[in-house]
C-alpha atoms as a PDB file:
ATOM      1  CA  UNK A   1      -2.342  14.141   4.746  1.00  0.00           C
ATOM      2  CA  UNK A   2      -3.686  17.565   5.660  1.00  0.00           C
ATOM      3  CA  UNK A   3      -7.072  16.969   4.052  1.00  0.00           C
ATOM      4  CA  UNK A   4      -7.412  13.595   5.827  1.00  0.00           C
ATOM      5  CA  UNK A   5      -6.377  15.184   9.128  1.00  0.00           C
ATOM      6  CA  UNK A   6      -8.989  17.907   8.674  1.00  0.00           C
ATOM      7  CA  UNK A   7     -11.704  15.292   8.199  1.00  0.00           C
ATOM      8  CA  UNK A   8     -10.563  13.314  11.259  1.00  0.00           C
ATOM      9  CA  UNK A   9     -10.567  16.381  13.473  1.00  0.00           C
ATOM     10  CA  UNK A  10     -13.881  17.843  12.360  1.00  0.00           C
ATOM     11  CA  UNK A  11     -12.324  20.655  10.325  1.00  0.00           C
ATOM     12  CA  UNK A  12     -13.972  19.791   7.025  1.00  0.00           C
ATOM     13  CA  UNK A  13     -14.544  23.485   6.355  1.00  0.00           C
ATOM     14  CA  UNK A  14     -10.778  23.876   5.712  1.00  0.00           C
ATOM     15  CA  UNK A  15      -9.969  22.842   2.153  1.00  0.00           C
ATOM     16  CA  UNK A  16      -6.580  21.625   0.892  1.00  0.00           C
ATOM     17  CA  UNK A  17      -5.770  21.683  -2.811  1.00  0.00           C
ATOM     18  CA  UNK A  18      -2.497  20.822  -4.510  1.00  0.00           C
ATOM     19  CA  UNK A  19      -0.884  22.818  -7.313  1.00  0.00           C
ATOM     20  CA  UNK A  20       1.791  20.999  -9.381  1.00  0.00           C
ATOM     21  CA  UNK A  21       5.198  22.617  -9.736  1.00  0.00           C
ATOM     22  CA  UNK A  22       8.568  21.005 -10.245  1.00  0.00           C
ATOM     23  CA  UNK A  23      11.198  21.557 -12.889  1.00  0.00           C
ATOM     24  CA  UNK A  24      11.877  17.802 -12.725  1.00  0.00           C
ATOM     25  CA  UNK A  25       8.544  17.122 -14.493  1.00  0.00           C
ATOM     26  CA  UNK A  26       8.219  13.825 -12.643  1.00  0.00           C
ATOM     27  CA  UNK A  27       4.622  13.973 -11.390  1.00  0.00           C
ATOM     28  CA  UNK A  28       2.201  11.376 -12.742  1.00  0.00           C
ATOM     29  CA  UNK A  29      -1.307  12.062 -14.133  1.00  0.00           C
ATOM     30  CA  UNK A  30      -0.528  15.645 -15.184  1.00  0.00           C
ATOM     31  CA  UNK A  31       0.925  15.889 -18.704  1.00  0.00           C
ATOM     32  CA  UNK A  32       3.723  18.114 -17.396  1.00  0.00           C
ATOM     33  CA  UNK A  33       4.447  20.460 -14.517  1.00  0.00           C
ATOM     34  CA  UNK A  34       4.819  24.233 -14.384  1.00  0.00           C
ATOM     35  CA  UNK A  35       8.480  25.151 -14.037  1.00  0.00           C
ATOM     36  CA  UNK A  36       9.685  22.434 -16.368  1.00  0.00           C
ATOM     37  CA  UNK A  37       9.123  24.387 -19.586  1.00  0.00           C
ATOM     38  CA  UNK A  38      11.122  27.389 -18.405  1.00  0.00           C
ATOM     39  CA  UNK A  39      13.980  25.261 -17.056  1.00  0.00           C
ATOM     40  CA  UNK A  40      14.019  23.259 -20.297  1.00  0.00           C
ATOM     41  CA  UNK A  41      14.185  26.515 -22.273  1.00  0.00           C
ATOM     42  CA  UNK A  42      17.183  27.727 -20.252  1.00  0.00           C
ATOM     43  CA  UNK A  43      18.986  24.391 -20.641  1.00  0.00           C
ATOM     44  CA  UNK A  44      18.433  24.219 -24.404  1.00  0.00           C
ATOM     45  CA  UNK A  45      19.612  27.817 -24.851  1.00  0.00           C
ATOM     46  CA  UNK A  46      22.661  27.408 -22.603  1.00  0.00           C
ATOM     47  CA  UNK A  47      23.737  24.193 -24.342  1.00  0.00           C
ATOM     48  CA  UNK A  48      23.293  25.868 -27.729  1.00  0.00           C
ATOM     49  CA  UNK A  49      25.517  28.759 -26.625  1.00  0.00           C
ATOM     50  CA  UNK A  50      28.152  26.362 -25.261  1.00  0.00           C
ATOM     51  CA  UNK A  51      28.269  24.547 -28.583  1.00  0.00           C
ATOM     52  CA  UNK A  52      28.649  27.854 -30.430  1.00  0.00           C
ATOM     53  CA  UNK A  53      31.400  28.982 -28.022  1.00  0.00           C
ATOM     54  CA  UNK A  54      33.378  25.800 -28.663  1.00  0.00           C
ATOM     55  CA  UNK A  55      32.925  26.235 -32.408  1.00  0.00           C
ATOM     56  CA  UNK A  56      34.072  29.861 -32.372  1.00  0.00           C
ATOM     57  CA  UNK A  57      37.111  29.013 -30.264  1.00  0.00           C
ATOM     58  CA  UNK A  58      37.921  26.165 -32.672  1.00  0.00           C
ATOM     59  CA  UNK A  59      39.350  23.732 -30.132  1.00  0.00           C
ATOM     60  CA  UNK A  60      39.612  20.004 -29.571  1.00  0.00           C
ATOM     61  CA  UNK A  61      37.639  19.473 -26.398  1.00  0.00           C
ATOM     62  CA  UNK A  62      35.104  17.240 -24.647  1.00  0.00           C
ATOM     63  CA  UNK A  63      32.586  19.314 -22.667  1.00  0.00           C
ATOM     64  CA  UNK A  64      30.532  17.449 -20.049  1.00  0.00           C
ATOM     65  CA  UNK A  65      27.373  19.272 -18.956  1.00  0.00           C
ATOM     66  CA  UNK A  66      25.654  18.207 -15.735  1.00  0.00           C
ATOM     67  CA  UNK A  67      21.903  18.834 -15.626  1.00  0.00           C
ATOM     68  CA  UNK A  68      19.451  18.395 -12.748  1.00  0.00           C
ATOM     69  CA  UNK A  69      17.448  15.184 -12.436  1.00  0.00           C
ATOM     70  CA  UNK A  70      17.976  12.576  -9.713  1.00  0.00           C
ATOM     71  CA  UNK A  71      15.614   9.908 -10.999  1.00  0.00           C
ATOM     72  CA  UNK A  72      14.073  11.447 -14.120  1.00  0.00           C
ATOM     73  CA  UNK A  73      15.884  12.695 -17.212  1.00  0.00           C
ATOM     74  CA  UNK A  74      13.340  15.187 -18.541  1.00  0.00           C
ATOM     75  CA  UNK A  75      15.603  18.205 -18.086  1.00  0.00           C
ATOM     76  CA  UNK A  76      18.684  16.536 -19.508  1.00  0.00           C
ATOM     77  CA  UNK A  77      16.715  15.326 -22.507  1.00  0.00           C
ATOM     78  CA  UNK A  78      15.589  18.909 -23.109  1.00  0.00           C
ATOM     79  CA  UNK A  79      19.169  19.751 -24.106  1.00  0.00           C
ATOM     80  CA  UNK A  80      18.295  18.140 -27.469  1.00  0.00           C
ATOM     81  CA  UNK A  81      16.061  21.136 -28.227  1.00  0.00           C
ATOM     82  CA  UNK A  82      19.266  23.087 -28.921  1.00  0.00           C
ATOM     83  CA  UNK A  83      19.523  21.169 -32.183  1.00  0.00           C
ATOM     84  CA  UNK A  84      18.400  23.066 -35.276  1.00  0.00           C
ATOM     85  CA  UNK A  85      19.510  24.537 -38.579  1.00  0.00           C
ATOM     86  CA  UNK A  86      22.055  26.699 -36.754  1.00  0.00           C
ATOM     87  CA  UNK A  87      23.253  24.154 -34.175  1.00  0.00           C
ATOM     88  CA  UNK A  88      23.963  20.390 -34.222  1.00  0.00           C
ATOM     89  CA  UNK A  89      22.894  19.986 -30.591  1.00  0.00           C
ATOM     90  CA  UNK A  90      24.730  17.880 -28.014  1.00  0.00           C
ATOM     91  CA  UNK A  91      26.511  14.791 -29.297  1.00  0.00           C
ATOM     92  CA  UNK A  92      25.488  12.482 -26.457  1.00  0.00           C
ATOM     93  CA  UNK A  93      22.741  12.546 -23.814  1.00  0.00           C
ATOM     94  CA  UNK A  94      22.662  10.220 -20.811  1.00  0.00           C
ATOM     95  CA  UNK A  95      19.547   9.926 -18.623  1.00  0.00           C
ATOM     96  CA  UNK A  96      19.102   8.116 -15.272  1.00  0.00           C
ATOM     97  CA  UNK A  97      16.398   5.909 -16.837  1.00  0.00           C
ATOM     98  CA  UNK A  98      19.165   3.951 -18.611  1.00  0.00           C
ATOM     99  CA  UNK A  99      21.908   2.254 -16.575  1.00  0.00           C
ATOM    100  CA  UNK A 100      25.193   4.114 -17.056  1.00  0.00           C
ATOM    101  CA  UNK A 101      27.801   1.847 -18.693  1.00  0.00           C
ATOM    102  CA  UNK A 102      31.168   3.576 -18.369  1.00  0.00           C
ATOM    103  CA  UNK A 103      32.926   1.469 -20.999  1.00  0.00           C
ATOM    104  CA  UNK A 104      30.193   2.077 -23.563  1.00  0.00           C
ATOM    105  CA  UNK A 105      30.193   5.794 -22.772  1.00  0.00           C
ATOM    106  CA  UNK A 106      33.947   5.932 -23.359  1.00  0.00           C
ATOM    107  CA  UNK A 107      33.413   4.232 -26.712  1.00  0.00           C
ATOM    108  CA  UNK A 108      30.658   6.726 -27.593  1.00  0.00           C
ATOM    109  CA  UNK A 109      32.850   9.717 -26.768  1.00  0.00           C
ATOM    110  CA  UNK A 110      35.888   8.328 -28.580  1.00  0.00           C
ATOM    111  CA  UNK A 111      33.759   7.669 -31.674  1.00  0.00           C
ATOM    112  CA  UNK A 112      32.440  11.235 -31.624  1.00  0.00           C
ATOM    113  CA  UNK A 113      35.977  12.581 -31.245  1.00  0.00           C
ATOM    114  CA  UNK A 114      36.941  10.970 -34.527  1.00  0.00           C
ATOM    115  CA  UNK A 115      34.100  12.800 -36.280  1.00  0.00           C
ATOM    116  CA  UNK A 116      34.402  16.327 -34.825  1.00  0.00           C
ATOM    117  CA  UNK A 117      36.768  18.488 -32.799  1.00  0.00           C
ATOM    118  CA  UNK A 118      34.287  19.548 -30.122  1.00  0.00           C
ATOM    119  CA  UNK A 119      32.192  16.911 -28.346  1.00  0.00           C
ATOM    120  CA  UNK A 120      29.395  17.939 -25.973  1.00  0.00           C
ATOM    121  CA  UNK A 121      28.013  15.381 -23.532  1.00  0.00           C
ATOM    122  CA  UNK A 122      24.900  16.127 -21.452  1.00  0.00           C
ATOM    123  CA  UNK A 123      24.368  13.936 -18.392  1.00  0.00           C
ATOM    124  CA  UNK A 124      21.787  13.834 -15.603  1.00  0.00           C
ATOM    125  CA  UNK A 125      23.121  14.425 -12.117  1.00  0.00           C
ATOM    126  CA  UNK A 126      21.407  11.150 -11.140  1.00  0.00           C
ATOM    127  CA  UNK A 127      23.089   8.969 -13.783  1.00  0.00           C
ATOM    128  CA  UNK A 128      23.634   5.616 -12.102  1.00  0.00           C
ATOM    129  CA  UNK A 129      25.406   2.374 -12.987  1.00  0.00           C
ATOM    130  CA  UNK A 130      23.743  -1.042 -13.164  1.00  0.00           C
ATOM    131  CA  UNK A 131      25.198  -1.918  -9.754  1.00  0.00           C
ATOM    132  CA  UNK A 132      23.641   1.150  -8.110  1.00  0.00           C
ATOM    133  CA  UNK A 133      26.604   3.524  -7.997  1.00  0.00           C
ATOM    134  CA  UNK A 134      26.062   7.137  -8.999  1.00  0.00           C
ATOM    135  CA  UNK A 135      28.493   8.510 -11.580  1.00  0.00           C
ATOM    136  CA  UNK A 136      29.478  11.244  -9.135  1.00  0.00           C
ATOM    137  CA  UNK A 137      30.696   8.474  -6.807  1.00  0.00           C
ATOM    138  CA  UNK A 138      33.171   7.220  -9.401  1.00  0.00           C
ATOM    139  CA  UNK A 139      35.585   9.927  -8.282  1.00  0.00           C
ATOM    140  CA  UNK A 140      37.166  10.361  -4.875  1.00  0.00           C
ATOM    141  CA  UNK A 141      35.468  12.412  -2.166  1.00  0.00           C
ATOM    142  CA  UNK A 142      32.806  11.910   0.477  1.00  0.00           C
ATOM    143  CA  UNK A 143      29.162  12.604  -0.373  1.00  0.00           C
ATOM    144  CA  UNK A 144      26.895  14.390   2.068  1.00  0.00           C
ATOM    145  CA  UNK A 145      23.158  13.710   2.273  1.00  0.00           C
ATOM    146  CA  UNK A 146      20.140  16.019   2.248  1.00  0.00           C
ATOM    147  CA  UNK A 147      17.267  16.236   4.737  1.00  0.00           C
ATOM    148  CA  UNK A 148      15.645  13.161   3.171  1.00  0.00           C
ATOM    149  CA  UNK A 149      18.790  11.046   3.379  1.00  0.00           C
ATOM    150  CA  UNK A 150      19.440  11.322  -0.378  1.00  0.00           C
ATOM    151  CA  UNK A 151      23.064  11.484  -1.486  1.00  0.00           C
ATOM    152  CA  UNK A 152      24.110  14.885  -2.790  1.00  0.00           C
ATOM    153  CA  UNK A 153      24.754  14.274  -6.472  1.00  0.00           C
ATOM    154  CA  UNK A 154      26.806  17.334  -7.349  1.00  0.00           C
ATOM    155  CA  UNK A 155      30.045  16.518  -9.167  1.00  0.00           C
ATOM    156  CA  UNK A 156      28.711  14.159 -11.838  1.00  0.00           C
ATOM    157  CA  UNK A 157      30.155  16.209 -14.711  1.00  0.00           C
ATOM    158  CA  UNK A 158      33.483  16.614 -12.928  1.00  0.00           C
ATOM    159  CA  UNK A 159      33.736  12.881 -12.210  1.00  0.00           C
ATOM    160  CA  UNK A 160      33.021  11.916 -15.823  1.00  0.00           C
ATOM    161  CA  UNK A 161      35.317  14.645 -17.196  1.00  0.00           C
ATOM    162  CA  UNK A 162      38.185  13.383 -15.025  1.00  0.00           C
ATOM    163  CA  UNK A 163      37.682   9.847 -16.307  1.00  0.00           C
ATOM    164  CA  UNK A 164      37.518  11.043 -19.922  1.00  0.00           C
ATOM    165  CA  UNK A 165      40.754  12.980 -19.494  1.00  0.00           C
ATOM    166  CA  UNK A 166      42.491  10.030 -17.830  1.00  0.00           C
ATOM    167  CA  UNK A 167      41.303   7.471 -20.388  1.00  0.00           C
ATOM    168  CA  UNK A 168      41.443   9.522 -23.605  1.00  0.00           C
ATOM    169  CA  UNK A 169      44.060  12.135 -22.708  1.00  0.00           C
ATOM    170  CA  UNK A 170      42.071  14.975 -24.274  1.00  0.00           C
ATOM    171  CA  UNK A 171      41.185  18.469 -23.062  1.00  0.00           C
ATOM    172  CA  UNK A 172      37.966  18.385 -21.048  1.00  0.00           C
ATOM    173  CA  UNK A 173      35.656  20.864 -19.391  1.00  0.00           C
ATOM    174  CA  UNK A 174      33.013  20.086 -16.758  1.00  0.00           C
ATOM    175  CA  UNK A 175      30.031  22.434 -16.494  1.00  0.00           C
ATOM    176  CA  UNK A 176      27.351  22.215 -13.808  1.00  0.00           C
ATOM    177  CA  UNK A 177      24.258  24.358 -14.375  1.00  0.00           C
ATOM    178  CA  UNK A 178      23.161  23.724 -10.766  1.00  0.00           C
ATOM    179  CA  UNK A 179      20.477  26.118  -9.491  1.00  0.00           C
ATOM    180  CA  UNK A 180      20.884  28.418 -12.519  1.00  0.00           C
ATOM    181  CA  UNK A 181      18.526  26.186 -14.474  1.00  0.00           C
ATOM    182  CA  UNK A 182      15.646  26.742 -12.081  1.00  0.00           C
ATOM    183  CA  UNK A 183      16.034  30.473 -11.450  1.00  0.00           C
ATOM    184  CA  UNK A 184      16.718  31.988 -14.888  1.00  0.00           C
ATOM    185  CA  UNK A 185      13.558  34.110 -14.911  1.00  0.00           C
ATOM    186  CA  UNK A 186      14.919  36.273 -17.722  1.00  0.00           C
ATOM    187  CA  UNK A 187      14.342  33.412 -20.152  1.00  0.00           C
ATOM    188  CA  UNK A 188      11.092  31.993 -18.763  1.00  0.00           C
ATOM    189  CA  UNK A 189       8.651  30.371 -21.176  1.00  0.00           C
ATOM    190  CA  UNK A 190       5.393  32.263 -21.633  1.00  0.00           C
ATOM    191  CA  UNK A 191       3.553  28.985 -22.188  1.00  0.00           C
ATOM    192  CA  UNK A 192       4.933  27.756 -18.873  1.00  0.00           C
ATOM    193  CA  UNK A 193       4.017  30.999 -17.096  1.00  0.00           C
ATOM    194  CA  UNK A 194       0.462  31.006 -18.436  1.00  0.00           C
ATOM    195  CA  UNK A 195      -0.121  27.387 -17.394  1.00  0.00           C
ATOM    196  CA  UNK A 196       1.311  28.071 -13.926  1.00  0.00           C
ATOM    197  CA  UNK A 197      -1.327  30.767 -13.394  1.00  0.00           C
ATOM    198  CA  UNK A 198      -4.008  28.456 -14.810  1.00  0.00           C
ATOM    199  CA  UNK A 199      -3.342  25.527 -12.441  1.00  0.00           C
ATOM    200  CA  UNK A 200      -3.195  27.901  -9.486  1.00  0.00           C
ATOM    201  CA  UNK A 201      -6.486  29.504 -10.436  1.00  0.00           C
ATOM    202  CA  UNK A 202      -8.123  26.096 -10.937  1.00  0.00           C
ATOM    203  CA  UNK A 203      -7.020  24.908  -7.494  1.00  0.00           C
ATOM    204  CA  UNK A 204      -8.373  28.037  -5.771  1.00  0.00           C
ATOM    205  CA  UNK A 205     -11.692  27.850  -7.616  1.00  0.00           C
ATOM    206  CA  UNK A 206     -12.046  24.160  -6.751  1.00  0.00           C
ATOM    207  CA  UNK A 207     -11.433  24.887  -3.061  1.00  0.00           C
ATOM    208  CA  UNK A 208     -14.104  27.630  -3.092  1.00  0.00           C
ATOM    209  CA  UNK A 209     -16.743  25.152  -4.288  1.00  0.00           C
ATOM    210  CA  UNK A 210     -15.815  22.486  -1.719  1.00  0.00           C
ATOM    211  CA  UNK A 211     -13.082  20.344  -3.251  1.00  0.00           C
ATOM    212  CA  UNK A 212     -10.285  19.094  -0.978  1.00  0.00           C
ATOM    213  CA  UNK A 213      -7.499  16.511  -1.141  1.00  0.00           C
ATOM    214  CA  UNK A 214      -7.185  17.044  -4.883  1.00  0.00           C
ATOM    215  CA  UNK A 215      -4.697  18.569  -7.321  1.00  0.00           C
ATOM    216  CA  UNK A 216      -5.028  20.638 -10.460  1.00  0.00           C
ATOM    217  CA  UNK A 217      -3.476  18.997 -13.526  1.00  0.00           C
ATOM    218  CA  UNK A 218      -2.631  19.863 -17.120  1.00  0.00           C
ATOM    219  CA  UNK A 219      -4.179  17.822 -19.924  1.00  0.00           C
ATOM    220  CA  UNK A 220      -2.618  18.070 -23.381  1.00  0.00           C
ATOM    221  CA  UNK A 221      -5.205  18.456 -26.130  1.00  0.00           C
ATOM    222  CA  UNK A 222      -2.840  18.661 -29.118  1.00  0.00           C
ATOM    223  CA  UNK A 223       0.822  19.173 -30.018  1.00  0.00           C
ATOM    224  CA  UNK A 224       0.512  21.241 -33.192  1.00  0.00           C
ATOM    225  CA  UNK A 225      -0.995  23.662 -32.620  1.00  0.00           C
ATOM    226  CA  UNK A 226      -0.286  23.192 -28.927  1.00  0.00           C
ATOM    227  CA  UNK A 227      -3.369  23.241 -26.731  1.00  0.00           C
ATOM    228  CA  UNK A 228      -3.930  22.228 -23.130  1.00  0.00           C
ATOM    229  CA  UNK A 229      -6.760  22.302 -20.630  1.00  0.00           C
ATOM    230  CA  UNK A 230      -6.818  22.216 -16.844  1.00  0.00           C
ATOM    231  CA  UNK A 231      -8.406  19.421 -14.829  1.00  0.00           C
ATOM    232  CA  UNK A 232      -8.601  18.140 -11.253  1.00  0.00           C
ATOM    233  CA  UNK A 233      -7.599  14.728  -9.856  1.00  0.00           C
ATOM    234  CA  UNK A 234      -7.398  13.057  -6.451  1.00  0.00           C
ATOM    235  CA  UNK A 235      -3.970  13.875  -5.042  1.00  0.00           C
ATOM    236  CA  UNK A 236      -3.608  10.297  -3.730  1.00  0.00           C
ATOM    237  CA  UNK A 237      -3.167   9.221  -7.361  1.00  0.00           C
ATOM    238  CA  UNK A 238      -0.082  11.457  -7.598  1.00  0.00           C
ATOM    239  CA  UNK A 239       1.561  11.366  -4.159  1.00  0.00           C
ATOM    240  CA  UNK A 240       4.698   9.210  -3.764  1.00  0.00           C
ATOM    241  CA  UNK A 241       4.755   8.273  -7.441  1.00  0.00           C
ATOM    242  CA  UNK A 242       7.280   9.346 -10.064  1.00  0.00           C
ATOM    243  CA  UNK A 243       7.167   9.664 -13.854  1.00  0.00           C
ATOM    244  CA  UNK A 244      10.343   8.984 -15.777  1.00  0.00           C
ATOM    245  CA  UNK A 245      11.104   9.413 -19.456  1.00  0.00           C
ATOM    246  CA  UNK A 246       9.453   6.483 -21.328  1.00  0.00           C
ATOM    247  CA  UNK A 247      11.975   3.973 -22.683  1.00  0.00           C
ATOM    248  CA  UNK A 248      10.570   4.407 -26.201  1.00  0.00           C
ATOM    249  CA  UNK A 249      11.510   8.114 -26.019  1.00  0.00           C
ATOM    250  CA  UNK A 250      15.189   7.195 -25.579  1.00  0.00           C
ATOM    251  CA  UNK A 251      17.144   5.844 -28.560  1.00  0.00           C
ATOM    252  CA  UNK A 252      18.169   2.200 -28.758  1.00  0.00           C
ATOM    253  CA  UNK A 253      21.779   2.946 -27.767  1.00  0.00           C
ATOM    254  CA  UNK A 254      20.629   4.829 -24.680  1.00  0.00           C
ATOM    255  CA  UNK A 255      22.671   7.917 -25.526  1.00  0.00           C
ATOM    256  CA  UNK A 256      20.070  10.337 -26.958  1.00  0.00           C
ATOM    257  CA  UNK A 257      16.358  11.117 -26.968  1.00  0.00           C
ATOM    258  CA  UNK A 258      13.936  10.475 -29.836  1.00  0.00           C
ATOM    259  CA  UNK A 259      11.825  12.841 -31.929  1.00  0.00           C
ATOM    260  CA  UNK A 260       8.797  11.847 -29.824  1.00  0.00           C
ATOM    261  CA  UNK A 261      10.541  13.289 -26.770  1.00  0.00           C
ATOM    262  CA  UNK A 262      11.412  16.497 -28.615  1.00  0.00           C
ATOM    263  CA  UNK A 263       7.848  16.881 -29.937  1.00  0.00           C
ATOM    264  CA  UNK A 264       6.555  16.510 -26.377  1.00  0.00           C
ATOM    265  CA  UNK A 265       8.841  19.164 -24.888  1.00  0.00           C
ATOM    266  CA  UNK A 266       9.141  21.732 -27.669  1.00  0.00           C
ATOM    267  CA  UNK A 267       5.690  23.366 -27.256  1.00  0.00           C
ATOM    268  CA  UNK A 268       6.380  23.933 -23.548  1.00  0.00           C
ATOM    269  CA  UNK A 269       9.275  26.344 -24.156  1.00  0.00           C
ATOM    270  CA  UNK A 270       7.443  28.565 -26.641  1.00  0.00           C
ATOM    271  CA  UNK A 271       6.922  32.269 -25.975  1.00  0.00           C
ATOM    272  CA  UNK A 272       8.841  34.919 -24.078  1.00  0.00           C
ATOM    273  CA  UNK A 273       7.862  36.970 -21.051  1.00  0.00           C
ATOM    274  CA  UNK A 274       8.090  40.757 -21.094  1.00  0.00           C
ATOM    275  CA  UNK A 275      11.162  41.609 -19.031  1.00  0.00           C
ATOM    276  CA  UNK A 276      11.514  44.895 -17.152  1.00  0.00           C
ATOM    277  CA  UNK A 277      14.979  46.366 -16.715  1.00  0.00           C
ATOM    278  CA  UNK A 278      16.424  49.074 -14.493  1.00  0.00           C
ATOM    279  CA  UNK A 279      19.945  50.407 -14.992  1.00  0.00           C
ATOM    280  CA  UNK A 280      20.682  47.458 -17.273  1.00  0.00           C
ATOM    281  CA  UNK A 281      19.557  44.810 -14.756  1.00  0.00           C
ATOM    282  CA  UNK A 282      16.343  42.760 -14.703  1.00  0.00           C
ATOM    283  CA  UNK A 283      13.972  44.273 -12.134  1.00  0.00           C
ATOM    284  CA  UNK A 284      12.297  41.893  -9.677  1.00  0.00           C
ATOM    285  CA  UNK A 285       9.562  42.330  -7.115  1.00  0.00           C
ATOM    286  CA  UNK A 286      11.271  43.954  -4.087  1.00  0.00           C
ATOM    287  CA  UNK A 287      12.586  41.413  -1.597  1.00  0.00           C
ATOM    288  CA  UNK A 288      11.349  41.944   1.958  1.00  0.00           C
ATOM    289  CA  UNK A 289      13.245  40.521   4.913  1.00  0.00           C
ATOM    290  CA  UNK A 290      16.729  39.151   5.428  1.00  0.00           C
END
């Protein structure tokens, strides 16, 4: 809009370039977005630690973890990266790309309970039923809206945990990562950080040579070893479009992600940033203002 306005008003000398960034990873054209890799890394690590905590405490419990993602389940799917030789990973994963069927979910959880004492369920905040009702609306309580008129989706884990407790009579715990998953700089991915600088640099360089109304993008060259390159595309190809998790990257039962999904995300969480500490606390750039 700004680049078109500049052309209409004779201000073609002002250039407007877009730089992708969203932890939701839901922009089209670009392979992925800066921010996503670091958030995915935090989520995978936090879920892994939750699973270990439940194991150490040796309790019968269903833990429901709510992860950001209104329309796209990229972040929730990333919880599967917690699975490895030292961790079984979450038992069930529910993304907004698949209609939420409460009865089937109850069957899934009950089946898992028969196999293990601790059951961990990861669910997107935007999980929605076939008739258009968000899971967070399945419990009592009014929902406010944001500046865009979208319903506030907080409470999805709590709503499902309450239903699980009522139906199955077991101990439950609801955990909402909320904004923690997008601000945990202490566990940022170096791959993510490096690509964030790269797309920013590409956008600035493109503006200097006359480009406008475009966006820098990431192109994946290979998975193993992971390689990417930076390109430029017309921003009109990206604006007002959304990229969800492909159906073939979700298992047939709709309650977990496939190896293809994991292979796509895993390279993006690789590498650690050097962290500076002062008096035992991470040191940030000084904050100026209120």
